[in-house]
Amino acid sequence: MTETIVITGASDGIGAAAARQLADAGHRLVLVGRSPDKTRAVAEEVGAEHHIADFTRLDDVRSLAEALRRGCERIDVLAHNAGGVFSGPSATPDGFEKSFQVNHLAPFLLTRRLQDRLLDSRARVVATSSIGARVFSRLDLDDVQTWERFTANRAYGNAKLANILFVRELHARFHAEGLSAVAFHPGFVATNFASDTSSWFRLAYHSALRRMFTTPEEGGTRLAHLITGTPGRTWQSGQYCGSDLKIARTAAAGHDPEVARRHWELSEQLLAG
């Protein structure tokens, strides 16, 4: 069956690589990126549709959701791959901390705006998280955006933990209605990641050290594997996978269903405010 697959963060890196690998599978690919030129180029290369959205602007996310609703009768896979690590703390035009909004709040909003379409399609949601959630996160639900005691690494770790919590709560709330969700660590991939930060990530990703990393194609293969996989067989809904695509440990908070529930509710409250 031809499936409709939406991939965000698809103008570069593993998102673009996954799109190239899926191009000949007969699916309908819908690519989302921030850069008009780069997103258009990848879309034309693989014969996909594309949309432009800047996740630092939630109005872009709302417009994207409406465009997808108009253009897609069904959405079989929503792959949340946009994200990054940023200096800060820095406020977006919406007033949220940038790392939190780009990595978590924007995909949270997009999913919620598409929720009925996803449920009708019995969709799979795939979230690109990171081992950084286990290494760097120090989650404080009273400061869920990491305004206080900010470092780029801690904010990134908390945001990637948010991806895992979101997947767990999506599963808890909607798996019985047919929705499946998984988060994963794509590996340390040699991309343009961390170009907008003073974190040591920038040194690692933009120096000779990147020769030790995996390629975007390898990371894209992992993303494509989850996109095309079957929940319950290829991967388990509600879980976080390491770069070997097996269920992995993350920060302790990422395994706490009460934290996942409260994090979801806080996210909804922020968007409602």
Protein backbone atom coordinates (compact mmCIF):
# COMPACT_ATOMS: atom_id res chain seq x y z
CA MET A 1 0.00 0.00 0.00
CA THR A 2 1.24 3.46 -0.87
CA GLU A 3 1.79 5.44 2.31
CA THR A 4 2.00 9.17 2.96
CA ILE A 5 5.18 9.91 4.90
CA VAL A 6 5.89 13.37 6.34
CA ILE A 7 9.49 14.07 7.37
CA THR A 8 10.51 17.29 9.13
CA GLY A 9 14.12 18.46 9.16
CA ALA A 10 14.37 17.00 5.67
CA SER A 11 16.46 19.66 3.93
CA ASP A 12 19.77 18.21 5.15
CA GLY A 13 21.41 15.51 7.23
CA ILE A 14 19.62 12.29 8.10
CA GLY A 15 16.21 13.63 7.07
CA ALA A 16 17.40 14.24 3.51
CA ALA A 17 19.27 10.93 3.53
CA ALA A 18 16.16 9.03 4.64
CA ALA A 19 14.11 10.75 1.93
CA ARG A 20 16.62 9.65 -0.71
CA GLN A 21 16.51 6.07 0.56
CA LEU A 22 12.70 6.02 0.53
CA ALA A 23 12.36 7.69 -2.87
CA ASP A 24 12.03 4.52 -4.91
CA ALA A 25 9.71 2.68 -2.52
CA GLY A 26 6.55 4.04 -4.13
CA HIS A 27 5.42 6.11 -1.15
CA ARG A 28 4.19 9.69 -1.16
CA LEU A 29 6.91 11.73 0.51
CA VAL A 30 6.17 15.14 2.01
CA LEU A 31 9.31 16.94 3.14
CA VAL A 32 9.46 19.84 5.59
CA GLY A 33 12.46 22.12 6.07
CA ARG A 34 13.41 25.60 7.16
CA SER A 35 15.54 26.55 4.13
CA PRO A 36 13.45 27.13 0.98
CA ASP A 37 16.35 26.46 -1.39
CA LYS A 38 17.70 23.36 0.33
CA THR A 39 14.27 21.86 0.98
CA ARG A 40 13.18 22.44 -2.61
CA ALA A 41 16.40 20.91 -3.93
CA VAL A 42 15.99 17.70 -1.92
CA ALA A 43 12.29 17.47 -2.83
CA GLU A 44 13.02 17.85 -6.53
CA GLU A 45 15.80 15.29 -6.33
CA VAL A 46 13.56 12.60 -4.79
CA GLY A 47 10.28 13.57 -6.47
CA ALA A 48 8.61 14.67 -3.23
CA GLU A 49 6.27 17.43 -2.16
CA HIS A 50 7.64 19.99 0.25
CA HIS A 51 6.65 22.69 2.73
CA ILE A 52 8.69 25.40 4.41
CA ALA A 53 8.39 25.96 8.16
CA ASP A 54 10.65 27.61 10.72
CA PHE A 55 10.10 25.90 14.06
CA THR A 56 11.19 29.01 15.94
CA ARG A 57 7.83 30.45 14.82
CA LEU A 58 4.76 28.54 15.97
CA ASP A 59 2.57 30.30 13.41
CA ASP A 60 4.68 28.50 10.80
CA VAL A 61 3.86 25.23 12.53
CA ARG A 62 0.15 26.04 12.59
CA SER A 63 0.23 26.95 8.89
CA LEU A 64 2.13 23.75 8.14
CA ALA A 65 -0.49 21.68 9.96
CA GLU A 66 -3.27 23.32 7.98
CA ALA A 67 -1.45 22.75 4.70
CA LEU A 68 -0.91 19.09 5.56
CA ARG A 69 -4.54 18.68 6.54
CA ARG A 70 -5.66 20.20 3.24
CA GLY A 71 -3.22 18.26 1.11
CA CYS A 72 -3.09 14.85 2.81
CA GLU A 73 -6.23 12.77 3.11
CA ARG A 74 -4.21 10.44 5.32
CA ILE A 75 -0.84 10.59 7.05
CA ASP A 76 0.68 7.19 7.69
CA VAL A 77 3.97 8.35 9.18
CA LEU A 78 4.93 11.62 10.86
CA ALA A 79 8.70 11.70 11.38
CA HIS A 80 9.85 14.46 13.72
CA ASN A 81 13.46 15.03 12.72
CA ALA A 82 13.90 18.81 13.02
CA GLY A 83 16.00 19.99 15.94
CA GLY A 84 19.35 21.19 17.14
CA VAL A 85 21.46 22.52 19.99
CA PHE A 86 21.56 26.30 20.49
CA SER A 87 23.27 28.91 22.62
CA GLY A 88 21.13 30.74 25.10
CA PRO A 89 18.90 30.90 26.87
CA SER A 90 17.29 32.56 23.89
CA ALA A 91 13.63 33.47 23.45
CA THR A 92 11.81 32.75 20.20
CA PRO A 93 9.30 35.26 18.81
CA ASP A 94 6.67 33.20 20.66
CA GLY A 95 8.45 33.79 23.97
CA PHE A 96 9.61 30.21 24.56
CA GLU A 97 13.19 29.07 25.07
CA LYS A 98 14.59 28.21 21.63
CA SER A 99 15.98 24.74 22.36
CA PHE A 100 12.72 23.71 24.01
CA GLN A 101 10.53 25.10 21.23
CA VAL A 102 12.44 23.83 18.21
CA ASN A 103 13.13 20.35 19.57
CA HIS A 104 9.91 19.71 21.48
CA LEU A 105 7.14 22.29 21.55
CA ALA A 106 6.89 22.76 17.77
CA PRO A 107 6.65 19.01 17.01
CA PHE A 108 4.26 18.62 19.95
CA LEU A 109 2.02 21.32 18.45
CA LEU A 110 2.24 19.84 14.95
CA THR A 111 1.25 16.40 16.23
CA ARG A 112 -1.67 17.79 18.22
CA ARG A 113 -2.93 19.79 15.21
CA LEU A 114 -2.79 16.63 13.08
CA GLN A 115 -4.01 14.28 15.79
CA ASP A 116 -7.36 13.30 14.28
CA ARG A 117 -5.75 12.67 10.86
CA LEU A 118 -3.07 10.54 12.50
CA LEU A 119 -5.62 8.53 14.46
CA ASP A 120 -7.79 8.01 11.39
CA SER A 121 -4.72 6.70 9.56
CA ARG A 122 -3.53 4.53 12.47
CA ALA A 123 -0.25 6.36 11.98
CA ARG A 124 3.28 5.87 13.22
CA VAL A 125 5.11 8.77 14.84
CA VAL A 126 8.91 8.60 14.79
CA ALA A 127 10.94 11.08 16.85
CA THR A 128 14.66 11.68 16.43
CA SER A 129 15.92 11.95 19.99
CA SER A 130 19.47 11.53 21.28
CA ILE A 131 21.68 9.76 23.78
CA GLY A 132 22.15 13.34 25.00
CA ALA A 133 18.93 12.89 26.96
CA ARG A 134 20.70 10.39 29.21
CA VAL A 135 24.02 12.23 29.34
CA PHE A 136 23.01 15.87 29.72
CA SER A 137 19.39 16.16 30.88
CA ARG A 138 18.65 17.47 34.34
CA LEU A 139 14.91 17.85 34.11
CA ASP A 140 13.08 20.25 36.44
CA LEU A 141 9.35 20.32 35.77
CA ASP A 142 9.13 23.66 37.58
CA ASP A 143 11.47 25.01 34.88
CA VAL A 144 10.53 22.78 31.99
CA GLN A 145 12.02 25.15 29.39
CA THR A 146 15.43 25.25 31.13
CA TRP A 147 15.53 29.02 31.54
CA GLU A 148 17.39 28.61 34.84
CA ARG A 149 20.87 27.08 35.14
CA PHE A 150 20.99 27.10 31.36
CA THR A 151 23.77 25.50 29.42
CA ALA A 152 23.41 24.54 25.77
CA ASN A 153 24.08 20.90 26.63
CA ARG A 154 21.57 20.75 29.48
CA ALA A 155 18.86 22.46 27.42
CA TYR A 156 19.51 20.08 24.55
CA GLY A 157 19.47 17.06 26.85
CA ASN A 158 16.19 18.18 28.42
CA ALA A 159 14.66 18.81 24.98
CA LYS A 160 15.72 15.37 23.71
CA LEU A 161 14.33 13.84 26.89
CA ALA A 162 11.11 15.69 26.07
CA ASN A 163 10.98 13.78 22.75
CA ILE A 164 11.14 10.50 24.65
CA LEU A 165 8.52 11.58 27.19
CA PHE A 166 6.26 12.71 24.34
CA VAL A 167 6.53 9.35 22.61
CA ARG A 168 5.77 7.51 25.85
CA GLU A 169 2.71 9.66 26.52
CA LEU A 170 1.48 9.43 22.92
CA HIS A 171 1.56 5.68 23.34
CA ALA A 172 -0.18 5.82 26.73
CA ARG A 173 -2.97 8.06 25.46
CA PHE A 174 -3.56 6.87 21.92
CA HIS A 175 -2.07 3.45 21.22
CA ALA A 176 -5.38 1.79 22.01
CA GLU A 177 -6.84 3.89 19.17
CA GLY A 178 -4.21 2.69 16.71
CA LEU A 179 -1.45 5.30 17.01
CA SER A 180 2.11 4.05 17.52
CA ALA A 181 5.18 6.08 18.44
CA VAL A 182 8.90 5.52 18.90
CA ALA A 183 11.97 7.65 19.65
CA PHE A 184 15.55 6.83 18.73
CA HIS A 185 19.17 7.93 18.83
CA PRO A 186 20.46 8.15 15.24
CA GLY A 187 24.13 7.88 16.24
CA PHE A 188 26.76 10.58 16.21
CA VAL A 189 26.21 11.71 12.65
CA ALA A 190 28.53 14.03 10.70
CA THR A 191 26.07 16.80 9.75
CA ASN A 192 25.67 20.57 10.23
CA PHE A 193 24.33 19.88 13.72
CA ALA A 194 25.40 22.36 16.45
CA SER A 195 26.49 25.10 14.03
CA ASP A 196 24.49 27.67 16.06
CA THR A 197 25.98 27.16 19.52
CA SER A 198 29.03 27.73 21.67
CA SER A 199 28.64 24.22 23.12
CA TRP A 200 31.53 21.79 22.77
CA PHE A 201 29.17 19.98 20.39
CA ARG A 202 30.22 22.62 17.84
CA LEU A 203 33.88 21.65 18.21
CA ALA A 204 33.10 17.97 17.90
CA TYR A 205 30.76 18.31 14.93
CA HIS A 206 32.83 20.89 13.05
CA SER A 207 36.38 19.67 13.46
CA ALA A 208 38.52 16.69 12.53
CA LEU A 209 36.68 14.72 15.23
CA ARG A 210 33.73 14.35 12.85
CA ARG A 211 35.76 11.75 10.96
CA MET A 212 34.94 9.42 13.85
CA PHE A 213 31.19 9.90 13.34
CA THR A 214 28.79 7.91 11.22
CA THR A 215 27.60 9.32 7.92
CA PRO A 216 24.23 11.00 7.29
CA GLU A 217 23.41 8.01 5.10
CA GLU A 218 23.87 5.62 8.04
CA GLY A 219 21.73 7.81 10.29
CA GLY A 220 19.19 8.11 7.49
CA THR A 221 19.06 4.33 7.19
CA ARG A 222 18.07 4.10 10.86
CA LEU A 223 15.36 6.72 10.41
CA ALA A 224 14.07 5.05 7.24
CA HIS A 225 14.05 1.66 8.98
CA LEU A 226 11.76 2.97 11.72
CA ILE A 227 9.58 4.88 9.24
CA THR A 228 8.91 1.74 7.20
CA GLY A 229 8.84 -0.64 10.15
CA THR A 230 5.88 -2.38 11.72
CA PRO A 231 5.06 -1.55 15.35
CA GLY A 232 5.07 -4.67 17.46
CA ARG A 233 7.49 -6.40 15.11
CA THR A 234 10.16 -3.98 13.89
CA TRP A 235 9.93 -1.75 16.96
CA GLN A 236 7.89 -1.41 20.13
CA SER A 237 5.52 1.52 20.50
CA GLY A 238 6.21 3.87 23.38
CA GLN A 239 9.88 2.97 23.56
CA TYR A 240 13.24 4.68 23.01
CA CYS A 241 15.82 2.90 20.86
CA GLY A 242 19.58 3.34 20.71
CA SER A 243 21.52 3.63 17.47
CA ASP A 244 21.35 -0.18 17.16
CA LEU A 245 17.54 0.28 17.07
CA LYS A 246 17.11 -1.89 20.15
CA ILE A 247 15.26 -0.66 23.24
CA ALA A 248 17.69 1.41 25.30
CA ARG A 249 17.93 3.14 28.65
CA THR A 250 17.72 6.89 28.96
CA ALA A 251 17.61 9.30 31.90
CA ALA A 252 15.58 7.97 34.83
CA ALA A 253 12.85 10.58 34.26
CA GLY A 254 12.35 9.21 30.77
CA HIS A 255 11.05 5.94 32.22
CA ASP A 256 8.58 7.55 34.65
CA PRO A 257 5.00 7.58 33.36
CA GLU A 258 4.00 10.28 35.83
CA VAL A 259 6.76 12.57 34.54
CA ALA A 260 5.58 11.90 30.97
CA ARG A 261 2.02 12.80 31.91
CA ARG A 262 3.00 15.99 33.71
CA HIS A 263 5.37 17.04 30.91
CA TRP A 264 2.54 16.63 28.38
CA GLU A 265 0.19 18.72 30.50
CA LEU A 266 2.79 21.46 30.97
CA SER A 267 3.34 21.57 27.21
CA GLU A 268 -0.37 21.93 26.60
CA GLN A 269 -0.61 24.69 29.20
CA LEU A 270 2.23 26.62 27.55
CA LEU A 271 0.57 26.43 24.16
CA ALA A 272 -2.82 27.39 25.59
CA GLY A 273 -1.37 30.41 27.38
